Amino acid sequence: MVSLVNATKKRMDKYKMNYKANDLHSFFNFKSGVKITTCHSTKGDEYEVVICTGLLNGKIPNWNDIIECSAEHQNYVARRLLYVIASRAKKHLYMISETGHKTQKGYPYKITPQL
């Protein structure tokens, strides 16, 4: 633990940071690069480009969210998640529903029908 504290102190000294909470936040708050996350954790965030893969029925929405629900509720859950995904993009949105994935029982996943 001491080495982590010492390394952090050296980094803060190198970038001439004060030892205030706001400085720490800005030091670890990266504004550029690639962020890999889930669709659930992006609520409230915005990105220049959003690339979403795995838009397959059973993945979006997840089987656990729809397995014992009515078709109407399944449709609602899927549309809500797709809205969250689509509304995160400021400029470019890529929604990918690739082939070749199989369920645990060996059946091929199908494209999320709400696409």
PDB file of N, CA and C in Angstrom:
ATOM      1  N   MET A   1       0.821  -1.193   0.000  1.00  0.00           N
ATOM      2  CA  MET A   1       0.000   0.000   0.000  1.00  0.00           C
ATOM      3  C   MET A   1       0.867   1.259   0.000  1.00  0.00           C
ATOM      4  N   VAL A   2       1.978   1.202   0.701  1.00  0.00           N
ATOM      5  CA  VAL A   2       2.879   2.350   0.768  1.00  0.00           C
ATOM      6  C   VAL A   2       3.403   2.701  -0.622  1.00  0.00           C
ATOM      7  N   SER A   3       3.714   1.680  -1.424  1.00  0.00           N
ATOM      8  CA  SER A   3       4.232   1.950  -2.771  1.00  0.00           C
ATOM      9  C   SER A   3       3.180   2.620  -3.651  1.00  0.00           C
ATOM     10  N   LEU A   4       1.914   2.252  -3.493  1.00  0.00           N
ATOM     11  CA  LEU A   4       0.842   2.896  -4.254  1.00  0.00           C
ATOM     12  C   LEU A   4       0.740   4.369  -3.874  1.00  0.00           C
ATOM     13  N   VAL A   5       0.778   4.651  -2.592  1.00  0.00           N
ATOM     14  CA  VAL A   5       0.696   6.038  -2.127  1.00  0.00           C
ATOM     15  C   VAL A   5       1.896   6.836  -2.636  1.00  0.00           C
ATOM     16  N   ASN A   6       3.078   6.257  -2.549  1.00  0.00           N
ATOM     17  CA  ASN A   6       4.282   6.948  -3.030  1.00  0.00           C
ATOM     18  C   ASN A   6       4.226   7.198  -4.533  1.00  0.00           C
ATOM     19  N   ALA A   7       3.769   6.207  -5.296  1.00  0.00           N
ATOM     20  CA  ALA A   7       3.659   6.364  -6.749  1.00  0.00           C
ATOM     21  C   ALA A   7       2.644   7.445  -7.098  1.00  0.00           C
ATOM     22  N   THR A   8       1.537   7.486  -6.381  1.00  0.00           N
ATOM     23  CA  THR A   8       0.516   8.508  -6.621  1.00  0.00           C
ATOM     24  C   THR A   8       1.067   9.893  -6.294  1.00  0.00           C
ATOM     25  N   LYS A   9       1.784  10.006  -5.184  1.00  0.00           N
ATOM     26  CA  LYS A   9       2.386  11.289  -4.807  1.00  0.00           C
ATOM     27  C   LYS A   9       3.373  11.759  -5.878  1.00  0.00           C
ATOM     28  N   LYS A  10       4.201  10.860  -6.380  1.00  0.00           N
ATOM     29  CA  LYS A  10       5.160  11.224  -7.433  1.00  0.00           C
ATOM     30  C   LYS A  10       4.438  11.720  -8.683  1.00  0.00           C
ATOM     31  N   ARG A  11       3.368  11.023  -9.049  1.00  0.00           N
ATOM     32  CA  ARG A  11       2.596  11.407 -10.232  1.00  0.00           C
ATOM     33  C   ARG A  11       1.969  12.788 -10.032  1.00  0.00           C
ATOM     34  N   MET A  12       1.442  13.019  -8.844  1.00  0.00           N
ATOM     35  CA  MET A  12       0.826  14.316  -8.559  1.00  0.00           C
ATOM     36  C   MET A  12       1.872  15.429  -8.584  1.00  0.00           C
ATOM     37  N   ASP A  13       3.049  15.149  -8.046  1.00  0.00           N
ATOM     38  CA  ASP A  13       4.134  16.140  -8.080  1.00  0.00           C
ATOM     39  C   ASP A  13       4.577  16.408  -9.516  1.00  0.00           C
ATOM     40  N   LYS A  14       4.669  15.360 -10.308  1.00  0.00           N
ATOM     41  CA  LYS A  14       5.097  15.495 -11.706  1.00  0.00           C
ATOM     42  C   LYS A  14       4.168  16.425 -12.482  1.00  0.00           C
ATOM     43  N   TYR A  15       2.851  16.290 -12.254  1.00  0.00           N
ATOM     44  CA  TYR A  15       1.873  17.104 -12.974  1.00  0.00           C
ATOM     45  C   TYR A  15       1.487  18.369 -12.204  1.00  0.00           C
ATOM     46  N   LYS A  16       2.239  18.661 -11.133  1.00  0.00           N
ATOM     47  CA  LYS A  16       2.037  19.870 -10.330  1.00  0.00           C
ATOM     48  C   LYS A  16       0.593  20.003  -9.847  1.00  0.00           C
ATOM     49  N   MET A  17       0.074  18.925  -9.333  1.00  0.00           N
ATOM     50  CA  MET A  17      -1.295  18.904  -8.829  1.00  0.00           C
ATOM     51  C   MET A  17      -1.310  19.267  -7.351  1.00  0.00           C
ATOM     52  N   ASN A  18      -2.356  19.956  -6.949  1.00  0.00           N
ATOM     53  CA  ASN A  18      -2.579  20.181  -5.525  1.00  0.00           C
ATOM     54  C   ASN A  18      -3.104  18.886  -4.927  1.00  0.00           C
ATOM     55  N   TYR A  19      -3.156  18.840  -3.640  1.00  0.00           N
ATOM     56  CA  TYR A  19      -3.653  17.630  -2.983  1.00  0.00           C
ATOM     57  C   TYR A  19      -5.108  17.818  -2.577  1.00  0.00           C
ATOM     58  N   LYS A  20      -5.908  18.239  -3.519  1.00  0.00           N
ATOM     59  CA  LYS A  20      -7.327  18.465  -3.273  1.00  0.00           C
ATOM     60  C   LYS A  20      -8.138  17.419  -4.027  1.00  0.00           C
ATOM     61  N   ALA A  21      -9.334  17.163  -3.536  1.00  0.00           N
ATOM     62  CA  ALA A  21     -10.196  16.143  -4.145  1.00  0.00           C
ATOM     63  C   ALA A  21     -10.493  16.460  -5.604  1.00  0.00           C
ATOM     64  N   ASN A  22     -10.722  17.721  -5.940  1.00  0.00           N
ATOM     65  CA  ASN A  22     -11.031  18.085  -7.326  1.00  0.00           C
ATOM     66  C   ASN A  22      -9.880  17.767  -8.264  1.00  0.00           C
ATOM     67  N   ASP A  23      -8.650  17.961  -7.794  1.00  0.00           N
ATOM     68  CA  ASP A  23      -7.493  17.638  -8.620  1.00  0.00           C
ATOM     69  C   ASP A  23      -7.413  16.142  -8.879  1.00  0.00           C
ATOM     70  N   LEU A  24      -7.678  15.355  -7.848  1.00  0.00           N
ATOM     71  CA  LEU A  24      -7.653  13.900  -8.033  1.00  0.00           C
ATOM     72  C   LEU A  24      -8.698  13.472  -9.049  1.00  0.00           C
ATOM     73  N   HIS A  25      -9.889  14.059  -8.961  1.00  0.00           N
ATOM     74  CA  HIS A  25     -10.955  13.709  -9.898  1.00  0.00           C
ATOM     75  C   HIS A  25     -10.514  14.012 -11.331  1.00  0.00           C
ATOM     76  N   SER A  26      -9.958  15.193 -11.565  1.00  0.00           N
ATOM     77  CA  SER A  26      -9.555  15.544 -12.930  1.00  0.00           C
ATOM     78  C   SER A  26      -8.379  14.704 -13.406  1.00  0.00           C
ATOM     79  N   PHE A  27      -7.545  14.258 -12.487  1.00  0.00           N
ATOM     80  CA  PHE A  27      -6.400  13.429 -12.853  1.00  0.00           C
ATOM     81  C   PHE A  27      -6.848  12.075 -13.382  1.00  0.00           C
ATOM     82  N   PHE A  28      -7.904  11.521 -12.812  1.00  0.00           N
ATOM     83  CA  PHE A  28      -8.377  10.202 -13.215  1.00  0.00           C
ATOM     84  C   PHE A  28      -9.594  10.257 -14.130  1.00  0.00           C
ATOM     85  N   ASN A  29     -10.050  11.430 -14.528  1.00  0.00           N
ATOM     86  CA  ASN A  29     -11.230  11.583 -15.371  1.00  0.00           C
ATOM     87  C   ASN A  29     -10.783  11.812 -16.816  1.00  0.00           C
ATOM     88  N   PHE A  30     -10.593  10.737 -17.554  1.00  0.00           N
ATOM     89  CA  PHE A  30     -10.120  10.830 -18.933  1.00  0.00           C
ATOM     90  C   PHE A  30     -11.272  11.214 -19.855  1.00  0.00           C
ATOM     91  N   LYS A  31     -11.033  12.151 -20.742  1.00  0.00           N
ATOM     92  CA  LYS A  31     -12.058  12.634 -21.663  1.00  0.00           C
ATOM     93  C   LYS A  31     -11.956  12.014 -23.046  1.00  0.00           C
ATOM     94  N   SER A  32     -10.853  11.366 -23.361  1.00  0.00           N
ATOM     95  CA  SER A  32     -10.708  10.797 -24.691  1.00  0.00           C
ATOM     96  C   SER A  32     -10.308   9.339 -24.582  1.00  0.00           C
ATOM     97  N   GLY A  33     -10.486   8.632 -25.670  1.00  0.00           N
ATOM     98  CA  GLY A  33     -10.127   7.226 -25.690  1.00  0.00           C
ATOM     99  C   GLY A  33     -11.353   6.360 -25.881  1.00  0.00           C
ATOM    100  N   VAL A  34     -11.190   5.099 -25.602  1.00  0.00           N
ATOM    101  CA  VAL A  34     -12.254   4.119 -25.781  1.00  0.00           C
ATOM    102  C   VAL A  34     -12.745   3.670 -24.412  1.00  0.00           C
ATOM    103  N   LYS A  35     -14.044   3.637 -24.254  1.00  0.00           N
ATOM    104  CA  LYS A  35     -14.641   3.139 -23.018  1.00  0.00           C
ATOM    105  C   LYS A  35     -15.493   1.935 -23.381  1.00  0.00           C
ATOM    106  N   ILE A  36     -15.195   0.804 -22.783  1.00  0.00           N
ATOM    107  CA  ILE A  36     -15.977  -0.408 -23.006  1.00  0.00           C
ATOM    108  C   ILE A  36     -16.848  -0.601 -21.778  1.00  0.00           C
ATOM    109  N   THR A  37     -18.152  -0.681 -22.003  1.00  0.00           N
ATOM    110  CA  THR A  37     -19.086  -0.734 -20.888  1.00  0.00           C
ATOM    111  C   THR A  37     -20.335  -1.498 -21.284  1.00  0.00           C
ATOM    112  N   THR A  38     -21.256  -1.645 -20.370  1.00  0.00           N
ATOM    113  CA  THR A  38     -22.532  -2.293 -20.672  1.00  0.00           C
ATOM    114  C   THR A  38     -23.570  -1.228 -21.002  1.00  0.00           C
ATOM    115  N   CYS A  39     -24.643  -1.636 -21.660  1.00  0.00           N
ATOM    116  CA  CYS A  39     -25.683  -0.663 -22.001  1.00  0.00           C
ATOM    117  C   CYS A  39     -26.365  -0.135 -20.742  1.00  0.00           C
ATOM    118  N   HIS A  40     -26.430  -0.940 -19.687  1.00  0.00           N
ATOM    119  CA  HIS A  40     -27.072  -0.498 -18.450  1.00  0.00           C
ATOM    120  C   HIS A  40     -26.275   0.597 -17.748  1.00  0.00           C
ATOM    121  N   SER A  41     -24.956   0.534 -17.842  1.00  0.00           N
ATOM    122  CA  SER A  41     -24.141   1.509 -17.110  1.00  0.00           C
ATOM    123  C   SER A  41     -23.916   2.802 -17.884  1.00  0.00           C
ATOM    124  N   THR A  42     -24.463   2.932 -19.079  1.00  0.00           N
ATOM    125  CA  THR A  42     -24.261   4.150 -19.868  1.00  0.00           C
ATOM    126  C   THR A  42     -25.371   5.169 -19.675  1.00  0.00           C
ATOM    127  N   LYS A  43     -26.372   4.848 -18.895  1.00  0.00           N
ATOM    128  CA  LYS A  43     -27.480   5.783 -18.696  1.00  0.00           C
ATOM    129  C   LYS A  43     -26.941   7.109 -18.181  1.00  0.00           C
ATOM    130  N   GLY A  44     -27.303   8.194 -18.855  1.00  0.00           N
ATOM    131  CA  GLY A  44     -26.852   9.517 -18.470  1.00  0.00           C
ATOM    132  C   GLY A  44     -25.557   9.951 -19.129  1.00  0.00           C
ATOM    133  N   ASP A  45     -24.821   9.041 -19.739  1.00  0.00           N
ATOM    134  CA  ASP A  45     -23.563   9.383 -20.406  1.00  0.00           C
ATOM    135  C   ASP A  45     -23.819   9.698 -21.877  1.00  0.00           C
ATOM    136  N   GLU A  46     -22.883  10.433 -22.485  1.00  0.00           N
ATOM    137  CA  GLU A  46     -22.923  10.701 -23.921  1.00  0.00           C
ATOM    138  C   GLU A  46     -21.539  10.478 -24.495  1.00  0.00           C
ATOM    139  N   TYR A  47     -21.498  10.018 -25.737  1.00  0.00           N
ATOM    140  CA  TYR A  47     -20.238   9.737 -26.416  1.00  0.00           C
ATOM    141  C   TYR A  47     -20.334  10.232 -27.852  1.00  0.00           C
ATOM    142  N   GLU A  48     -19.206  10.626 -28.418  1.00  0.00           N
ATOM    143  CA  GLU A  48     -19.178  11.039 -29.819  1.00  0.00           C
ATOM    144  C   GLU A  48     -19.603   9.880 -30.719  1.00  0.00           C
ATOM    145  N   VAL A  49     -19.080   8.697 -30.443  1.00  0.00           N
ATOM    146  CA  VAL A  49     -19.358   7.501 -31.236  1.00  0.00           C
ATOM    147  C   VAL A  49     -19.769   6.383 -30.291  1.00  0.00           C
ATOM    148  N   VAL A  50     -20.825   5.671 -30.661  1.00  0.00           N
ATOM    149  CA  VAL A  50     -21.254   4.490 -29.909  1.00  0.00           C
ATOM    150  C   VAL A  50     -21.254   3.309 -30.869  1.00  0.00           C
ATOM    151  N   ILE A  51     -20.578   2.248 -30.465  1.00  0.00           N
ATOM    152  CA  ILE A  51     -20.578   0.998 -31.224  1.00  0.00           C
ATOM    153  C   ILE A  51     -21.137  -0.064 -30.295  1.00  0.00           C
ATOM    154  N   CYS A  52     -22.249  -0.643 -30.673  1.00  0.00           N
ATOM    155  CA  CYS A  52     -22.880  -1.663 -29.842  1.00  0.00           C
ATOM    156  C   CYS A  52     -22.960  -2.968 -30.631  1.00  0.00           C
ATOM    157  N   THR A  53     -22.431  -4.024 -30.048  1.00  0.00           N
ATOM    158  CA  THR A  53     -22.480  -5.345 -30.681  1.00  0.00           C
ATOM    159  C   THR A  53     -23.351  -6.270 -29.846  1.00  0.00           C
ATOM    160  N   GLY A  54     -23.638  -7.424 -30.387  1.00  0.00           N
ATOM    161  CA  GLY A  54     -24.397  -8.423 -29.637  1.00  0.00           C
ATOM    162  C   GLY A  54     -25.875  -8.126 -29.542  1.00  0.00           C
ATOM    163  N   LEU A  55     -26.418  -7.418 -30.523  1.00  0.00           N
ATOM    164  CA  LEU A  55     -27.845  -7.099 -30.500  1.00  0.00           C
ATOM    165  C   LEU A  55     -28.641  -8.307 -30.985  1.00  0.00           C
ATOM    166  N   LEU A  56     -28.638  -9.309 -30.140  1.00  0.00           N
ATOM    167  CA  LEU A  56     -29.276 -10.584 -30.445  1.00  0.00           C
ATOM    168  C   LEU A  56     -30.346 -10.871 -29.412  1.00  0.00           C
ATOM    169  N   ASN A  57     -31.453 -11.442 -29.847  1.00  0.00           N
ATOM    170  CA  ASN A  57     -32.544 -11.770 -28.944  1.00  0.00           C
ATOM    171  C   ASN A  57     -32.042 -12.778 -27.914  1.00  0.00           C
ATOM    172  N   GLY A  58     -32.137 -12.423 -26.660  1.00  0.00           N
ATOM    173  CA  GLY A  58     -31.596 -13.236 -25.582  1.00  0.00           C
ATOM    174  C   GLY A  58     -30.381 -12.583 -24.961  1.00  0.00           C
ATOM    175  N   LYS A  59     -29.757 -11.693 -25.717  1.00  0.00           N
ATOM    176  CA  LYS A  59     -28.663 -10.877 -25.172  1.00  0.00           C
ATOM    177  C   LYS A  59     -29.170  -9.459 -24.930  1.00  0.00           C
ATOM    178  N   ILE A  60     -29.894  -8.904 -25.884  1.00  0.00           N
ATOM    179  CA  ILE A  60     -30.580  -7.608 -25.756  1.00  0.00           C
ATOM    180  C   ILE A  60     -32.022  -7.842 -26.154  1.00  0.00           C
ATOM    181  N   PRO A  61     -32.946  -7.956 -25.274  1.00  0.00           N
ATOM    182  CA  PRO A  61     -32.770  -8.009 -23.825  1.00  0.00           C
ATOM    183  C   PRO A  61     -32.246  -9.377 -23.379  1.00  0.00           C
ATOM    184  N   ASN A  62     -31.685  -9.405 -22.182  1.00  0.00           N
ATOM    185  CA  ASN A  62     -31.139 -10.633 -21.620  1.00  0.00           C
ATOM    186  C   ASN A  62     -32.265 -11.612 -21.302  1.00  0.00           C
ATOM    187  N   TRP A  63     -31.999 -12.895 -21.534  1.00  0.00           N
ATOM    188  CA  TRP A  63     -33.014 -13.921 -21.261  1.00  0.00           C
ATOM    189  C   TRP A  63     -33.588 -13.779 -19.858  1.00  0.00           C
ATOM    190  N   ASN A  64     -32.743 -13.501 -18.877  1.00  0.00           N
ATOM    191  CA  ASN A  64     -33.206 -13.413 -17.488  1.00  0.00           C
ATOM    192  C   ASN A  64     -34.242 -12.312 -17.290  1.00  0.00           C
ATOM    193  N   ASP A  65     -34.216 -11.293 -18.134  1.00  0.00           N
ATOM    194  CA  ASP A  65     -35.173 -10.192 -18.021  1.00  0.00           C
ATOM    195  C   ASP A  65     -36.499 -10.483 -18.715  1.00  0.00           C
ATOM    196  N   ILE A  66     -36.529 -11.485 -19.601  1.00  0.00           N
ATOM    197  CA  ILE A  66     -37.737 -11.686 -20.411  1.00  0.00           C
ATOM    198  C   ILE A  66     -38.279 -13.108 -20.395  1.00  0.00           C
ATOM    199  N   ILE A  67     -37.585 -14.049 -19.768  1.00  0.00           N
ATOM    200  CA  ILE A  67     -37.915 -15.466 -19.918  1.00  0.00           C
ATOM    201  C   ILE A  67     -39.359 -15.800 -19.540  1.00  0.00           C
ATOM    202  N   GLU A  68     -39.872 -15.206 -18.486  1.00  0.00           N
ATOM    203  CA  GLU A  68     -41.233 -15.541 -18.055  1.00  0.00           C
ATOM    204  C   GLU A  68     -42.172 -14.347 -18.182  1.00  0.00           C
ATOM    205  N   CYS A  69     -41.942 -13.507 -19.171  1.00  0.00           N
ATOM    206  CA  CYS A  69     -42.739 -12.298 -19.347  1.00  0.00           C
ATOM    207  C   CYS A  69     -43.592 -12.389 -20.606  1.00  0.00           C
ATOM    208  N   SER A  70     -44.593 -11.558 -20.642  1.00  0.00           N
ATOM    209  CA  SER A  70     -45.444 -11.490 -21.829  1.00  0.00           C
ATOM    210  C   SER A  70     -44.652 -10.908 -22.996  1.00  0.00           C
ATOM    211  N   ALA A  71     -45.157 -11.141 -24.197  1.00  0.00           N
ATOM    212  CA  ALA A  71     -44.516 -10.589 -25.396  1.00  0.00           C
ATOM    213  C   ALA A  71     -44.496  -9.062 -25.332  1.00  0.00           C
ATOM    214  N   GLU A  72     -45.543  -8.487 -24.770  1.00  0.00           N
ATOM    215  CA  GLU A  72     -45.619  -7.029 -24.641  1.00  0.00           C
ATOM    216  C   GLU A  72     -44.496  -6.503 -23.737  1.00  0.00           C
ATOM    217  N   HIS A  73     -44.253  -7.193 -22.616  1.00  0.00           N
ATOM    218  CA  HIS A  73     -43.191  -6.764 -21.708  1.00  0.00           C
ATOM    219  C   HIS A  73     -41.812  -6.988 -22.337  1.00  0.00           C
ATOM    220  N   GLN A  74     -41.641  -8.096 -23.050  1.00  0.00           N
ATOM    221  CA  GLN A  74     -40.377  -8.363 -23.742  1.00  0.00           C
ATOM    222  C   GLN A  74     -40.070  -7.239 -24.731  1.00  0.00           C
ATOM    223  N   ASN A  75     -41.091  -6.829 -25.467  1.00  0.00           N
ATOM    224  CA  ASN A  75     -40.946  -5.747 -26.436  1.00  0.00           C
ATOM    225  C   ASN A  75     -40.567  -4.442 -25.732  1.00  0.00           C
ATOM    226  N   TYR A  76     -41.215  -4.169 -24.600  1.00  0.00           N
ATOM    227  CA  TYR A  76     -40.928  -2.958 -23.831  1.00  0.00           C
ATOM    228  C   TYR A  76     -39.477  -2.941 -23.352  1.00  0.00           C
ATOM    229  N   VAL A  77     -39.007  -4.055 -22.789  1.00  0.00           N
ATOM    230  CA  VAL A  77     -37.635  -4.141 -22.267  1.00  0.00           C
ATOM    231  C   VAL A  77     -36.625  -3.948 -23.395  1.00  0.00           C
ATOM    232  N   ALA A  78     -36.848  -4.601 -24.517  1.00  0.00           N
ATOM    233  CA  ALA A  78     -35.928  -4.482 -25.654  1.00  0.00           C
ATOM    234  C   ALA A  78     -35.889  -3.053 -26.182  1.00  0.00           C
ATOM    235  N   ARG A  79     -37.043  -2.440 -26.348  1.00  0.00           N
ATOM    236  CA  ARG A  79     -37.091  -1.076 -26.872  1.00  0.00           C
ATOM    237  C   ARG A  79     -36.437  -0.079 -25.914  1.00  0.00           C
ATOM    238  N   ARG A  80     -36.638  -0.290 -24.622  1.00  0.00           N
ATOM    239  CA  ARG A  80     -36.031   0.596 -23.630  1.00  0.00           C
ATOM    240  C   ARG A  80     -34.504   0.520 -23.695  1.00  0.00           C
ATOM    241  N   LEU A  81     -33.953  -0.693 -23.760  1.00  0.00           N
ATOM    242  CA  LEU A  81     -32.499  -0.852 -23.843  1.00  0.00           C
ATOM    243  C   LEU A  81     -31.945  -0.292 -25.148  1.00  0.00           C
ATOM    244  N   LEU A  82     -32.637  -0.535 -26.241  1.00  0.00           N
ATOM    245  CA  LEU A  82     -32.184   0.001 -27.526  1.00  0.00           C
ATOM    246  C   LEU A  82     -32.222   1.527 -27.528  1.00  0.00           C
ATOM    247  N   TYR A  83     -33.212   2.105 -26.863  1.00  0.00           N
ATOM    248  CA  TYR A  83     -33.278   3.564 -26.749  1.00  0.00           C
ATOM    249  C   TYR A  83     -32.086   4.096 -25.959  1.00  0.00           C
ATOM    250  N   VAL A  84     -31.776   3.444 -24.833  1.00  0.00           N
ATOM    251  CA  VAL A  84     -30.624   3.864 -24.027  1.00  0.00           C
ATOM    252  C   VAL A  84     -29.359   3.826 -24.872  1.00  0.00           C
ATOM    253  N   ILE A  85     -29.166   2.753 -25.617  1.00  0.00           N
ATOM    254  CA  ILE A  85     -27.975   2.613 -26.464  1.00  0.00           C
ATOM    255  C   ILE A  85     -27.937   3.719 -27.523  1.00  0.00           C
ATOM    256  N   ALA A  86     -29.036   3.879 -28.243  1.00  0.00           N
ATOM    257  CA  ALA A  86     -29.073   4.828 -29.361  1.00  0.00           C
ATOM    258  C   ALA A  86     -28.955   6.277 -28.897  1.00  0.00           C
ATOM    259  N   SER A  87     -29.497   6.585 -27.745  1.00  0.00           N
ATOM    260  CA  SER A  87     -29.495   7.978 -27.289  1.00  0.00           C
ATOM    261  C   SER A  87     -28.174   8.408 -26.656  1.00  0.00           C
ATOM    262  N   ARG A  88     -27.209   7.527 -26.556  1.00  0.00           N
ATOM    263  CA  ARG A  88     -25.893   7.878 -25.993  1.00  0.00           C
ATOM    264  C   ARG A  88     -24.984   8.517 -27.037  1.00  0.00           C
ATOM    265  N   ALA A  89     -25.270   8.308 -28.320  1.00  0.00           N
ATOM    266  CA  ALA A  89     -24.383   8.771 -29.395  1.00  0.00           C
ATOM    267  C   ALA A  89     -24.660  10.228 -29.745  1.00  0.00           C
ATOM    268  N   LYS A  90     -23.595  11.047 -29.779  1.00  0.00           N
ATOM    269  CA  LYS A  90     -23.726  12.441 -30.207  1.00  0.00           C
ATOM    270  C   LYS A  90     -23.641  12.557 -31.725  1.00  0.00           C
ATOM    271  N   LYS A  91     -22.714  11.793 -32.346  1.00  0.00           N
ATOM    272  CA  LYS A  91     -22.491  11.937 -33.787  1.00  0.00           C
ATOM    273  C   LYS A  91     -22.720  10.655 -34.572  1.00  0.00           C
ATOM    274  N   HIS A  92     -22.153   9.549 -34.124  1.00  0.00           N
ATOM    275  CA  HIS A  92     -22.213   8.313 -34.905  1.00  0.00           C
ATOM    276  C   HIS A  92     -22.696   7.158 -34.040  1.00  0.00           C
ATOM    277  N   LEU A  93     -23.562   6.343 -34.625  1.00  0.00           N
ATOM    278  CA  LEU A  93     -24.107   5.178 -33.932  1.00  0.00           C
ATOM    279  C   LEU A  93     -23.984   3.959 -34.836  1.00  0.00           C
ATOM    280  N   TYR A  94     -23.350   2.918 -34.318  1.00  0.00           N
ATOM    281  CA  TYR A  94     -23.208   1.656 -35.047  1.00  0.00           C
ATOM    282  C   TYR A  94     -23.827   0.565 -34.192  1.00  0.00           C
ATOM    283  N   MET A  95     -24.881  -0.053 -34.706  1.00  0.00           N
ATOM    284  CA  MET A  95     -25.564  -1.122 -33.985  1.00  0.00           C
ATOM    285  C   MET A  95     -25.353  -2.408 -34.776  1.00  0.00           C
ATOM    286  N   ILE A  96     -24.701  -3.383 -34.142  1.00  0.00           N
ATOM    287  CA  ILE A  96     -24.270  -4.592 -34.836  1.00  0.00           C
ATOM    288  C   ILE A  96     -24.954  -5.811 -34.247  1.00  0.00           C
ATOM    289  N   SER A  97     -25.541  -6.603 -35.122  1.00  0.00           N
ATOM    290  CA  SER A  97     -26.188  -7.853 -34.738  1.00  0.00           C
ATOM    291  C   SER A  97     -25.513  -8.967 -35.523  1.00  0.00           C
ATOM    292  N   GLU A  98     -24.406  -9.464 -34.991  1.00  0.00           N
ATOM    293  CA  GLU A  98     -23.576 -10.421 -35.713  1.00  0.00           C
ATOM    294  C   GLU A  98     -24.153 -11.838 -35.674  1.00  0.00           C
ATOM    295  N   THR A  99     -23.717 -12.672 -36.594  1.00  0.00           N
ATOM    296  CA  THR A  99     -24.157 -14.065 -36.647  1.00  0.00           C
ATOM    297  C   THR A  99     -23.072 -14.969 -36.069  1.00  0.00           C
ATOM    298  N   GLY A 100     -23.435 -16.212 -35.821  1.00  0.00           N
ATOM    299  CA  GLY A 100     -22.459 -17.192 -35.364  1.00  0.00           C
ATOM    300  C   GLY A 100     -22.502 -17.489 -33.879  1.00  0.00           C
ATOM    301  N   HIS A 101     -23.273 -16.725 -33.111  1.00  0.00           N
ATOM    302  CA  HIS A 101     -23.390 -16.991 -31.676  1.00  0.00           C
ATOM    303  C   HIS A 101     -24.476 -18.032 -31.437  1.00  0.00           C
ATOM    304  N   LYS A 102     -24.227 -18.917 -30.486  1.00  0.00           N
ATOM    305  CA  LYS A 102     -25.201 -19.969 -30.171  1.00  0.00           C
ATOM    306  C   LYS A 102     -25.572 -19.921 -28.697  1.00  0.00           C
ATOM    307  N   THR A 103     -26.798 -20.342 -28.404  1.00  0.00           N
ATOM    308  CA  THR A 103     -27.251 -20.431 -27.023  1.00  0.00           C
ATOM    309  C   THR A 103     -26.556 -21.601 -26.337  1.00  0.00           C
ATOM    310  N   GLN A 104     -26.769 -21.742 -25.034  1.00  0.00           N
ATOM    311  CA  GLN A 104     -26.176 -22.861 -24.297  1.00  0.00           C
ATOM    312  C   GLN A 104     -26.651 -24.202 -24.842  1.00  0.00           C
ATOM    313  N   LYS A 105     -27.830 -24.227 -25.428  1.00  0.00           N
ATOM    314  CA  LYS A 105     -28.364 -25.470 -26.000  1.00  0.00           C
ATOM    315  C   LYS A 105     -27.935 -25.667 -27.447  1.00  0.00           C
ATOM    316  N   GLY A 106     -27.153 -24.747 -27.996  1.00  0.00           N
ATOM    317  CA  GLY A 106     -26.626 -24.901 -29.347  1.00  0.00           C
ATOM    318  C   GLY A 106     -27.457 -24.278 -30.448  1.00  0.00           C
ATOM    319  N   TYR A 107     -28.545 -23.591 -30.099  1.00  0.00           N
ATOM    320  CA  TYR A 107     -29.374 -22.932 -31.107  1.00  0.00           C
ATOM    321  C   TYR A 107     -28.759 -21.576 -31.473  1.00  0.00           C
ATOM    322  N   PRO A 108     -28.865 -21.186 -32.737  1.00  0.00           N
ATOM    323  CA  PRO A 108     -28.312 -19.877 -33.111  1.00  0.00           C
ATOM    324  C   PRO A 108     -29.164 -18.742 -32.539  1.00  0.00           C
ATOM    325  N   TYR A 109     -28.490 -17.701 -32.070  1.00  0.00           N
ATOM    326  CA  TYR A 109     -29.211 -16.508 -31.642  1.00  0.00           C
ATOM    327  C   TYR A 109     -29.788 -15.822 -32.865  1.00  0.00           C
ATOM    328  N   LYS A 110     -30.933 -15.182 -32.689  1.00  0.00           N
ATOM    329  CA  LYS A 110     -31.562 -14.419 -33.766  1.00  0.00           C
ATOM    330  C   LYS A 110     -31.417 -12.933 -33.466  1.00  0.00           C
ATOM    331  N   ILE A 111     -31.505 -12.136 -34.503  1.00  0.00           N
ATOM    332  CA  ILE A 111     -31.418 -10.684 -34.354  1.00  0.00           C
ATOM    333  C   ILE A 111     -32.538 -10.203 -33.437  1.00  0.00           C
ATOM    334  N   THR A 112     -32.220  -9.259 -32.570  1.00  0.00           N
ATOM    335  CA  THR A 112     -33.245  -8.657 -31.723  1.00  0.00           C
ATOM    336  C   THR A 112     -34.333  -8.098 -32.635  1.00  0.00           C
ATOM    337  N   PRO A 113     -35.563  -8.599 -32.536  1.00  0.00           N
ATOM    338  CA  PRO A 113     -36.600  -8.225 -33.509  1.00  0.00           C
ATOM    339  C   PRO A 113     -36.955  -6.737 -33.504  1.00  0.00           C
ATOM    340  N   GLN A 114     -36.717  -6.038 -32.420  1.00  0.00           N
ATOM    341  CA  GLN A 114     -37.068  -4.623 -32.343  1.00  0.00           C
ATOM    342  C   GLN A 114     -36.145  -3.747 -33.184  1.00  0.00           C
ATOM    343  N   LEU A 115     -35.048  -4.310 -33.684  1.00  0.00           N
ATOM    344  CA  LEU A 115     -34.183  -3.537 -34.579  1.00  0.00           C
ATOM    345  C   LEU A 115     -34.910  -3.363 -35.886  1.00  0.00           C
TER     346      LEU A 115
END
